[in-house]
């Protein structure tokens, strides 16, 4: 797929998956896309854990009671940041931004390869879900699972939700109201 087609087709998929495993070669391609993302001062702080072991997949799936994609995923990609990040520029750390850039690259790669996912972030912050997953995956206590992507082959076709028109969200040279 051409890049603008992939962008237009990318969407948050919360539906069921087909009972098909994802080859490690594809998981590696997806994470490599995340690794290629930009990062503040090229610090490359985001780290990844690819989960494709059936037992671990089932343990993570059992944590989420309502999200079908989380419950039926065939693999997960956990994106990690440091809990106490080092400043890399003028006293600032960009780990959250770096992690988000990596996630977006992976979302596009997932779409291009014909898989589906949903960016899971907020759910990780409640009821210690991120910490529970971190413990399952042996993540050091100085790291945090900031984003997790449940992956699979979609069983349903979902279109990207309608976006506001360009003129409602973008302007040339000066912000405009009304």
N, C-alpha and C. Protein backbone atom coordinates (compact mmCIF):
# COMPACT_ATOMS: atom_id res chain seq x y z
N UNK A 1 0.84 -1.19 0.00
CA UNK A 1 0.00 0.00 0.00
C UNK A 1 0.88 1.25 0.00
N UNK A 2 0.43 2.23 -0.68
CA UNK A 2 1.10 3.52 -0.71
C UNK A 2 0.84 4.23 0.63
N UNK A 3 1.78 5.07 1.08
CA UNK A 3 1.73 5.63 2.43
C UNK A 3 0.43 6.39 2.72
N UNK A 4 -0.08 7.19 1.80
CA UNK A 4 -1.30 7.94 2.07
C UNK A 4 -2.52 7.03 2.13
N UNK A 5 -2.49 5.93 1.40
CA UNK A 5 -3.57 4.94 1.50
C UNK A 5 -3.54 4.27 2.87
N UNK A 6 -2.35 3.94 3.35
CA UNK A 6 -2.22 3.34 4.68
C UNK A 6 -2.75 4.30 5.75
N UNK A 7 -2.38 5.57 5.65
CA UNK A 7 -2.86 6.56 6.61
C UNK A 7 -4.38 6.65 6.58
N UNK A 8 -4.96 6.64 5.39
CA UNK A 8 -6.42 6.73 5.26
C UNK A 8 -7.13 5.49 5.80
N UNK A 9 -6.48 4.33 5.73
CA UNK A 9 -7.10 3.08 6.17
C UNK A 9 -6.86 2.76 7.64
N UNK A 10 -5.86 3.38 8.26
CA UNK A 10 -5.55 3.09 9.65
C UNK A 10 -6.72 3.51 10.54
N UNK A 11 -7.11 2.64 11.43
CA UNK A 11 -8.20 2.96 12.36
C UNK A 11 -8.03 2.14 13.64
N UNK A 12 -8.73 2.56 14.66
CA UNK A 12 -8.69 1.84 15.94
C UNK A 12 -9.68 0.69 15.86
N UNK A 13 -9.16 -0.51 15.88
CA UNK A 13 -9.98 -1.70 15.73
C UNK A 13 -10.17 -2.37 17.09
N UNK A 14 -11.42 -2.47 17.51
CA UNK A 14 -11.74 -3.09 18.80
C UNK A 14 -12.57 -4.36 18.62
N UNK A 15 -12.63 -4.85 17.40
CA UNK A 15 -13.47 -6.00 17.10
C UNK A 15 -12.76 -7.32 17.24
N UNK A 16 -13.42 -8.40 16.79
CA UNK A 16 -12.85 -9.74 16.91
C UNK A 16 -11.74 -9.99 15.88
N UNK A 17 -10.88 -10.93 16.23
CA UNK A 17 -9.81 -11.35 15.34
C UNK A 17 -10.06 -12.78 14.86
N UNK A 18 -9.53 -13.09 13.69
CA UNK A 18 -9.54 -14.46 13.21
C UNK A 18 -8.54 -15.28 14.02
N UNK A 19 -8.73 -16.56 14.05
CA UNK A 19 -7.84 -17.44 14.81
C UNK A 19 -6.60 -17.77 13.97
N UNK A 20 -5.77 -16.75 13.78
CA UNK A 20 -4.53 -16.89 13.00
C UNK A 20 -3.39 -16.24 13.76
N UNK A 21 -2.31 -16.95 13.91
CA UNK A 21 -1.13 -16.38 14.56
C UNK A 21 -0.45 -15.40 13.63
N UNK A 22 0.35 -14.52 14.22
CA UNK A 22 1.10 -13.53 13.44
C UNK A 22 2.55 -14.00 13.38
N UNK A 23 3.08 -14.18 12.18
CA UNK A 23 4.47 -14.64 12.07
C UNK A 23 5.45 -13.68 12.75
N UNK A 24 6.47 -14.23 13.36
CA UNK A 24 7.49 -13.39 14.02
C UNK A 24 8.15 -12.42 13.04
N UNK A 25 8.27 -12.83 11.79
CA UNK A 25 8.87 -11.92 10.80
C UNK A 25 8.04 -10.64 10.69
N UNK A 26 6.71 -10.78 10.72
CA UNK A 26 5.85 -9.60 10.64
C UNK A 26 5.92 -8.79 11.93
N UNK A 27 5.95 -9.47 13.08
CA UNK A 27 6.08 -8.75 14.35
C UNK A 27 7.39 -7.96 14.38
N UNK A 28 8.44 -8.56 13.87
CA UNK A 28 9.73 -7.86 13.82
C UNK A 28 9.66 -6.64 12.90
N UNK A 29 9.02 -6.79 11.73
CA UNK A 29 8.86 -5.65 10.82
C UNK A 29 8.10 -4.50 11.48
N UNK A 30 7.06 -4.86 12.21
CA UNK A 30 6.24 -3.84 12.88
C UNK A 30 7.06 -3.10 13.93
N UNK A 31 7.78 -3.84 14.76
CA UNK A 31 8.59 -3.19 15.79
C UNK A 31 9.74 -2.42 15.17
N UNK A 32 10.30 -2.92 14.09
CA UNK A 32 11.36 -2.17 13.40
C UNK A 32 10.84 -0.82 12.93
N UNK A 33 9.59 -0.77 12.50
CA UNK A 33 8.98 0.52 12.13
C UNK A 33 8.94 1.45 13.33
N UNK A 34 8.66 0.91 14.52
CA UNK A 34 8.68 1.71 15.73
C UNK A 34 10.08 2.19 16.07
N UNK A 35 11.05 1.33 15.89
CA UNK A 35 12.45 1.69 16.16
C UNK A 35 12.90 2.81 15.23
N UNK A 36 12.38 2.84 14.01
CA UNK A 36 12.77 3.85 13.03
C UNK A 36 12.13 5.22 13.30
N UNK A 37 11.23 5.31 14.26
CA UNK A 37 10.54 6.57 14.54
C UNK A 37 11.53 7.62 15.05
N UNK A 38 11.19 8.89 14.85
CA UNK A 38 12.04 9.94 15.41
C UNK A 38 11.98 9.93 16.93
N UNK A 39 13.04 10.46 17.55
CA UNK A 39 13.06 10.61 19.00
C UNK A 39 13.85 11.87 19.35
N UNK A 40 13.44 12.52 20.45
CA UNK A 40 14.10 13.75 20.87
C UNK A 40 15.61 13.55 21.02
N UNK A 41 16.37 14.38 20.35
CA UNK A 41 17.84 14.33 20.29
C UNK A 41 18.35 12.94 19.90
N UNK A 42 17.54 12.19 19.21
CA UNK A 42 17.87 10.83 18.78
C UNK A 42 18.26 9.94 19.96
N UNK A 43 17.62 10.18 21.12
CA UNK A 43 17.94 9.42 22.33
C UNK A 43 17.47 7.97 22.24
N UNK A 44 16.47 7.69 21.41
CA UNK A 44 15.99 6.33 21.16
C UNK A 44 15.68 5.60 22.48
N UNK A 45 14.83 6.21 23.28
CA UNK A 45 14.54 5.70 24.62
C UNK A 45 13.45 4.63 24.67
N UNK A 46 12.54 4.61 23.70
CA UNK A 46 11.45 3.65 23.74
C UNK A 46 11.98 2.24 23.52
N UNK A 47 11.53 1.32 24.36
CA UNK A 47 11.89 -0.09 24.22
C UNK A 47 10.60 -0.89 24.04
N UNK A 48 10.73 -2.11 23.55
CA UNK A 48 9.56 -2.89 23.16
C UNK A 48 9.66 -4.32 23.68
N UNK A 49 8.53 -4.87 24.06
CA UNK A 49 8.45 -6.30 24.33
C UNK A 49 7.35 -6.85 23.42
N UNK A 50 7.73 -7.81 22.59
CA UNK A 50 6.78 -8.47 21.69
C UNK A 50 6.29 -9.72 22.40
N UNK A 51 4.99 -9.83 22.56
CA UNK A 51 4.41 -10.97 23.27
C UNK A 51 3.67 -11.85 22.26
N UNK A 52 4.21 -13.05 22.01
CA UNK A 52 3.54 -13.99 21.12
C UNK A 52 3.42 -15.38 21.74
N UNK A 53 3.89 -15.56 22.97
CA UNK A 53 3.73 -16.82 23.69
C UNK A 53 2.26 -16.97 24.08
N UNK A 54 1.64 -18.07 23.68
CA UNK A 54 0.20 -18.26 23.88
C UNK A 54 -0.22 -18.11 25.34
N UNK A 55 0.59 -18.60 26.27
CA UNK A 55 0.24 -18.50 27.69
C UNK A 55 0.26 -17.05 28.17
N UNK A 56 1.29 -16.30 27.79
CA UNK A 56 1.36 -14.88 28.16
C UNK A 56 0.25 -14.08 27.49
N UNK A 57 -0.02 -14.37 26.23
CA UNK A 57 -1.11 -13.70 25.51
C UNK A 57 -2.41 -13.91 26.27
N UNK A 58 -2.67 -15.14 26.70
CA UNK A 58 -3.91 -15.44 27.44
C UNK A 58 -3.97 -14.71 28.77
N UNK A 59 -2.85 -14.60 29.45
CA UNK A 59 -2.81 -13.89 30.74
C UNK A 59 -3.13 -12.41 30.57
N UNK A 60 -2.56 -11.80 29.55
CA UNK A 60 -2.84 -10.38 29.29
C UNK A 60 -4.29 -10.21 28.87
N UNK A 61 -4.77 -11.07 27.99
CA UNK A 61 -6.15 -10.99 27.51
C UNK A 61 -7.15 -11.06 28.66
N UNK A 62 -6.85 -11.87 29.67
CA UNK A 62 -7.77 -12.05 30.80
C UNK A 62 -7.92 -10.79 31.63
N UNK A 63 -6.99 -9.85 31.51
CA UNK A 63 -7.06 -8.62 32.32
C UNK A 63 -8.14 -7.64 31.84
N UNK A 64 -8.48 -7.69 30.57
CA UNK A 64 -9.41 -6.70 30.02
C UNK A 64 -10.78 -7.33 29.79
N UNK A 65 -11.78 -6.91 30.54
CA UNK A 65 -13.09 -7.57 30.47
C UNK A 65 -13.96 -7.16 29.28
N UNK A 66 -13.70 -6.02 28.65
CA UNK A 66 -14.65 -5.52 27.66
C UNK A 66 -14.10 -5.32 26.26
N UNK A 67 -12.83 -5.06 26.08
CA UNK A 67 -12.28 -4.76 24.77
C UNK A 67 -12.02 -6.06 24.01
N UNK A 68 -12.82 -6.32 22.99
CA UNK A 68 -12.70 -7.56 22.22
C UNK A 68 -11.32 -7.73 21.62
N UNK A 69 -10.74 -6.66 21.10
CA UNK A 69 -9.41 -6.75 20.51
C UNK A 69 -8.38 -7.18 21.55
N UNK A 70 -8.48 -6.65 22.75
CA UNK A 70 -7.55 -7.06 23.82
C UNK A 70 -7.78 -8.52 24.20
N UNK A 71 -9.01 -8.94 24.22
CA UNK A 71 -9.33 -10.31 24.67
C UNK A 71 -9.01 -11.36 23.60
N UNK A 72 -9.03 -10.99 22.32
CA UNK A 72 -8.80 -11.97 21.26
C UNK A 72 -7.47 -11.82 20.53
N UNK A 73 -6.63 -10.90 20.98
CA UNK A 73 -5.35 -10.66 20.31
C UNK A 73 -4.52 -11.94 20.20
N UNK A 74 -3.78 -12.04 19.13
CA UNK A 74 -2.87 -13.17 18.92
C UNK A 74 -1.45 -12.80 19.34
N UNK A 75 -1.20 -11.50 19.52
CA UNK A 75 0.09 -11.01 19.99
C UNK A 75 -0.12 -9.59 20.52
N UNK A 76 0.83 -9.16 21.31
CA UNK A 76 0.83 -7.78 21.83
C UNK A 76 2.21 -7.20 21.63
N UNK A 77 2.24 -5.88 21.48
CA UNK A 77 3.51 -5.15 21.51
C UNK A 77 3.38 -4.14 22.64
N UNK A 78 4.25 -4.29 23.64
CA UNK A 78 4.29 -3.35 24.75
C UNK A 78 5.40 -2.34 24.50
N UNK A 79 5.06 -1.07 24.63
CA UNK A 79 6.02 0.02 24.44
C UNK A 79 6.40 0.54 25.82
N UNK A 80 7.68 0.58 26.10
CA UNK A 80 8.18 0.91 27.43
C UNK A 80 8.89 2.25 27.47
N UNK A 81 8.69 2.96 28.59
CA UNK A 81 9.44 4.18 28.86
C UNK A 81 10.03 4.07 30.27
N UNK A 82 10.98 4.93 30.58
CA UNK A 82 11.56 4.98 31.92
C UNK A 82 10.64 5.75 32.84
N UNK A 83 10.54 5.32 34.09
CA UNK A 83 9.74 6.04 35.08
C UNK A 83 10.39 7.37 35.47
N UNK A 84 11.70 7.40 35.49
CA UNK A 84 12.44 8.62 35.82
C UNK A 84 13.38 8.95 34.66
N UNK A 85 12.83 9.50 33.61
CA UNK A 85 13.64 9.72 32.42
C UNK A 85 14.71 10.80 32.61
N UNK A 86 15.80 10.59 31.94
CA UNK A 86 16.87 11.60 31.92
C UNK A 86 16.48 12.72 30.97
N UNK A 87 16.86 13.94 31.35
CA UNK A 87 16.66 15.07 30.46
C UNK A 87 17.64 14.95 29.30
N UNK A 88 17.14 15.18 28.09
CA UNK A 88 18.02 15.08 26.92
C UNK A 88 18.20 16.42 26.21
N UNK A 89 17.37 17.40 26.55
CA UNK A 89 17.49 18.71 25.91
C UNK A 89 16.97 19.80 26.84
N UNK A 90 17.85 20.68 27.24
CA UNK A 90 17.47 21.84 28.06
C UNK A 90 16.60 21.46 29.26
N UNK A 91 16.93 20.35 29.90
CA UNK A 91 16.19 19.92 31.08
C UNK A 91 14.93 19.13 30.79
N UNK A 92 14.66 18.83 29.53
CA UNK A 92 13.43 18.12 29.16
C UNK A 92 13.72 16.70 28.68
N UNK A 93 12.77 15.84 28.96
CA UNK A 93 12.77 14.47 28.44
C UNK A 93 11.62 14.37 27.45
N UNK A 94 11.78 13.55 26.45
CA UNK A 94 10.74 13.41 25.43
C UNK A 94 10.28 11.97 25.29
N UNK A 95 10.35 11.20 26.37
CA UNK A 95 10.03 9.78 26.28
C UNK A 95 8.58 9.52 25.88
N UNK A 96 7.65 10.29 26.41
CA UNK A 96 6.25 10.08 26.03
C UNK A 96 6.05 10.37 24.55
N UNK A 97 6.63 11.46 24.07
CA UNK A 97 6.53 11.81 22.66
C UNK A 97 7.22 10.77 21.79
N UNK A 98 8.40 10.31 22.23
CA UNK A 98 9.13 9.30 21.47
C UNK A 98 8.32 8.01 21.38
N UNK A 99 7.70 7.62 22.48
CA UNK A 99 6.88 6.40 22.52
C UNK A 99 5.68 6.55 21.59
N UNK A 100 5.07 7.74 21.59
CA UNK A 100 3.92 7.99 20.72
C UNK A 100 4.32 7.94 19.25
N UNK A 101 5.47 8.49 18.91
CA UNK A 101 5.93 8.44 17.52
C UNK A 101 6.18 6.99 17.10
N UNK A 102 6.78 6.22 17.98
CA UNK A 102 7.03 4.80 17.68
C UNK A 102 5.71 4.07 17.49
N UNK A 103 4.73 4.34 18.36
CA UNK A 103 3.42 3.68 18.25
C UNK A 103 2.76 4.03 16.92
N UNK A 104 2.82 5.27 16.51
CA UNK A 104 2.17 5.65 15.25
C UNK A 104 2.83 4.94 14.06
N UNK A 105 4.16 4.88 14.06
CA UNK A 105 4.83 4.14 12.98
C UNK A 105 4.36 2.68 12.96
N UNK A 106 4.22 2.08 14.15
CA UNK A 106 3.79 0.68 14.22
C UNK A 106 2.34 0.53 13.78
N UNK A 107 1.48 1.49 14.13
CA UNK A 107 0.08 1.44 13.68
C UNK A 107 0.01 1.42 12.16
N UNK A 108 0.84 2.23 11.53
CA UNK A 108 0.85 2.27 10.06
C UNK A 108 1.40 0.97 9.48
N UNK A 109 2.43 0.43 10.09
CA UNK A 109 3.00 -0.84 9.62
C UNK A 109 1.98 -1.97 9.78
N UNK A 110 1.27 -1.98 10.90
CA UNK A 110 0.24 -2.99 11.15
C UNK A 110 -0.83 -2.93 10.07
N UNK A 111 -1.27 -1.73 9.74
CA UNK A 111 -2.27 -1.55 8.68
C UNK A 111 -1.73 -2.01 7.34
N UNK A 112 -0.51 -1.61 7.01
CA UNK A 112 0.09 -1.97 5.72
C UNK A 112 0.21 -3.48 5.55
N UNK A 113 0.43 -4.20 6.65
CA UNK A 113 0.58 -5.66 6.59
C UNK A 113 -0.75 -6.40 6.65
N UNK A 114 -1.86 -5.67 6.79
CA UNK A 114 -3.18 -6.30 6.78
C UNK A 114 -3.68 -6.74 8.14
N UNK A 115 -3.00 -6.32 9.20
CA UNK A 115 -3.45 -6.63 10.56
C UNK A 115 -4.25 -5.45 11.10
N UNK A 116 -4.74 -5.59 12.33
CA UNK A 116 -5.49 -4.51 12.97
C UNK A 116 -5.09 -4.43 14.43
N UNK A 117 -5.29 -3.27 15.02
CA UNK A 117 -4.97 -3.03 16.42
C UNK A 117 -5.71 -1.80 16.91
N UNK A 118 -5.58 -1.56 18.20
CA UNK A 118 -6.06 -0.33 18.82
C UNK A 118 -4.99 0.11 19.81
N UNK A 119 -4.72 1.40 19.86
CA UNK A 119 -3.74 1.98 20.77
C UNK A 119 -4.35 1.95 22.17
N UNK A 120 -3.79 1.16 23.05
CA UNK A 120 -4.30 1.05 24.43
C UNK A 120 -3.31 1.76 25.34
N UNK A 121 -3.81 2.78 26.04
CA UNK A 121 -2.98 3.61 26.89
C UNK A 121 -3.68 3.89 28.22
N UNK A 122 -4.83 4.54 28.18
CA UNK A 122 -5.53 4.93 29.40
C UNK A 122 -5.83 3.75 30.31
N UNK A 123 -6.24 2.63 29.73
CA UNK A 123 -6.57 1.43 30.51
C UNK A 123 -5.36 0.93 31.30
N UNK A 124 -4.16 1.14 30.76
CA UNK A 124 -2.95 0.71 31.46
C UNK A 124 -2.75 1.49 32.76
N UNK A 125 -3.29 2.71 32.82
CA UNK A 125 -3.06 3.59 33.96
C UNK A 125 -4.01 3.34 35.12
N UNK A 126 -5.09 2.59 34.88
CA UNK A 126 -6.05 2.36 35.96
C UNK A 126 -5.88 0.95 36.53
N UNK A 127 -6.22 0.80 37.76
CA UNK A 127 -6.19 -0.50 38.45
C UNK A 127 -4.84 -1.22 38.31
N UNK A 128 -3.79 -0.45 38.14
CA UNK A 128 -2.42 -1.00 38.02
C UNK A 128 -2.28 -1.99 36.87
N UNK A 129 -3.09 -1.85 35.81
CA UNK A 129 -3.01 -2.79 34.69
C UNK A 129 -1.65 -2.79 34.02
N UNK A 130 -1.07 -1.61 33.81
CA UNK A 130 0.26 -1.54 33.20
C UNK A 130 1.31 -2.21 34.06
N UNK A 131 1.21 -2.01 35.37
CA UNK A 131 2.16 -2.64 36.30
C UNK A 131 1.99 -4.16 36.27
N UNK A 132 0.74 -4.63 36.25
CA UNK A 132 0.49 -6.08 36.20
C UNK A 132 1.11 -6.69 34.95
N UNK A 133 0.92 -6.03 33.82
CA UNK A 133 1.51 -6.53 32.57
C UNK A 133 3.03 -6.48 32.65
N UNK A 134 3.56 -5.40 33.20
CA UNK A 134 5.00 -5.28 33.37
C UNK A 134 5.57 -6.43 34.19
N UNK A 135 4.87 -6.81 35.26
CA UNK A 135 5.33 -7.93 36.08
C UNK A 135 5.27 -9.23 35.30
N UNK A 136 4.21 -9.44 34.52
CA UNK A 136 4.10 -10.65 33.70
C UNK A 136 5.26 -10.78 32.72
N UNK A 137 5.71 -9.63 32.21
CA UNK A 137 6.73 -9.61 31.17
C UNK A 137 8.14 -9.43 31.72
N UNK A 138 8.29 -9.38 33.04
CA UNK A 138 9.62 -9.25 33.63
C UNK A 138 10.26 -7.90 33.40
N UNK A 139 9.45 -6.87 33.26
CA UNK A 139 9.97 -5.52 33.00
C UNK A 139 10.51 -4.95 34.31
N UNK A 140 11.72 -4.37 34.29
CA UNK A 140 12.29 -3.79 35.51
C UNK A 140 11.38 -2.72 36.11
N UNK A 141 11.48 -2.53 37.42
CA UNK A 141 10.60 -1.59 38.10
C UNK A 141 10.85 -0.14 37.71
N UNK A 142 11.98 0.16 37.10
CA UNK A 142 12.24 1.52 36.66
C UNK A 142 11.66 1.81 35.27
N UNK A 143 10.93 0.85 34.70
CA UNK A 143 10.29 0.99 33.39
C UNK A 143 8.78 0.94 33.54
N UNK A 144 8.09 1.46 32.55
CA UNK A 144 6.63 1.51 32.56
C UNK A 144 6.10 1.09 31.20
N UNK A 145 5.08 0.23 31.18
CA UNK A 145 4.37 -0.09 29.94
C UNK A 145 3.45 1.11 29.68
N UNK A 146 3.80 1.93 28.70
CA UNK A 146 3.04 3.15 28.44
C UNK A 146 1.94 2.93 27.41
N UNK A 147 2.22 2.07 26.42
CA UNK A 147 1.25 1.75 25.37
C UNK A 147 1.34 0.26 25.11
N UNK A 148 0.19 -0.36 24.87
CA UNK A 148 0.20 -1.75 24.42
C UNK A 148 -0.70 -1.84 23.19
N UNK A 149 -0.23 -2.59 22.21
CA UNK A 149 -0.97 -2.79 20.96
C UNK A 149 -1.37 -4.26 20.84
N UNK A 150 -2.66 -4.56 20.94
CA UNK A 150 -3.12 -5.93 20.69
C UNK A 150 -3.24 -6.14 19.18
N UNK A 151 -2.68 -7.22 18.67
CA UNK A 151 -2.66 -7.45 17.23
C UNK A 151 -3.39 -8.70 16.82
N UNK A 152 -3.93 -8.65 15.61
CA UNK A 152 -4.55 -9.82 15.02
C UNK A 152 -5.00 -9.54 13.61
N UNK A 153 -5.52 -10.58 12.97
CA UNK A 153 -6.12 -10.44 11.64
C UNK A 153 -7.59 -10.10 11.89
N UNK A 154 -8.05 -8.95 11.44
CA UNK A 154 -9.42 -8.55 11.75
C UNK A 154 -10.46 -9.48 11.13
N UNK A 155 -11.48 -9.80 11.91
CA UNK A 155 -12.57 -10.64 11.43
C UNK A 155 -13.67 -9.81 10.79
N UNK A 156 -13.64 -8.52 11.04
CA UNK A 156 -14.64 -7.60 10.48
C UNK A 156 -13.95 -6.46 9.77
N UNK A 157 -14.67 -5.84 8.84
CA UNK A 157 -14.14 -4.66 8.16
C UNK A 157 -14.65 -3.42 8.88
N UNK A 158 -13.73 -2.60 9.31
CA UNK A 158 -14.09 -1.33 9.92
C UNK A 158 -13.41 -0.23 9.13
N UNK A 159 -14.14 0.83 8.86
CA UNK A 159 -13.56 1.98 8.17
C UNK A 159 -13.05 2.98 9.20
N UNK A 160 -12.10 3.78 8.78
CA UNK A 160 -11.63 4.85 9.65
C UNK A 160 -12.80 5.79 9.93
N UNK A 161 -12.92 6.23 11.18
CA UNK A 161 -14.00 7.16 11.52
C UNK A 161 -13.80 8.47 10.79
N UNK A 162 -14.89 9.13 10.51
CA UNK A 162 -14.82 10.39 9.78
C UNK A 162 -14.02 11.41 10.58
N UNK A 163 -13.19 12.12 9.89
CA UNK A 163 -12.36 13.17 10.50
C UNK A 163 -12.91 14.54 10.09
N UNK A 164 -12.70 15.52 10.93
CA UNK A 164 -13.11 16.89 10.60
C UNK A 164 -12.38 17.34 9.34
N UNK A 165 -12.98 18.23 8.63
CA UNK A 165 -12.39 18.76 7.40
C UNK A 165 -11.11 19.54 7.71
N UNK A 166 -10.22 19.59 6.75
CA UNK A 166 -8.96 20.33 6.85
C UNK A 166 -9.20 21.74 7.35
N UNK A 167 -10.18 22.42 6.78
CA UNK A 167 -10.46 23.83 7.11
C UNK A 167 -10.92 24.02 8.56
N UNK A 168 -11.35 22.96 9.21
CA UNK A 168 -11.78 23.05 10.61
C UNK A 168 -10.62 22.86 11.59
N UNK A 169 -9.48 22.38 11.07
CA UNK A 169 -8.38 22.06 11.98
C UNK A 169 -7.02 22.60 11.56
N UNK A 170 -6.94 23.21 10.39
CA UNK A 170 -5.64 23.68 9.92
C UNK A 170 -5.78 24.99 9.16
N UNK A 171 -4.78 25.86 9.31
CA UNK A 171 -4.78 27.16 8.66
C UNK A 171 -3.37 27.46 8.18
N UNK A 172 -3.28 28.34 7.24
CA UNK A 172 -1.99 28.80 6.78
C UNK A 172 -1.65 30.11 7.49
N UNK A 173 -0.49 30.18 8.05
CA UNK A 173 0.13 31.36 8.61
C UNK A 173 -0.45 31.87 9.92
N UNK A 174 -1.74 31.85 10.13
CA UNK A 174 -2.34 32.34 11.37
C UNK A 174 -3.56 31.49 11.73
N UNK A 175 -3.74 31.29 13.03
CA UNK A 175 -4.92 30.60 13.52
C UNK A 175 -6.14 31.43 13.20
N UNK A 176 -7.21 30.75 12.78
CA UNK A 176 -8.44 31.46 12.44
C UNK A 176 -9.60 30.90 13.26
N UNK A 177 -10.50 31.77 13.67
CA UNK A 177 -11.69 31.34 14.38
C UNK A 177 -12.87 31.51 13.48
N UNK A 178 -13.91 30.71 13.78
CA UNK A 178 -15.19 30.84 13.07
C UNK A 178 -15.18 30.45 11.71
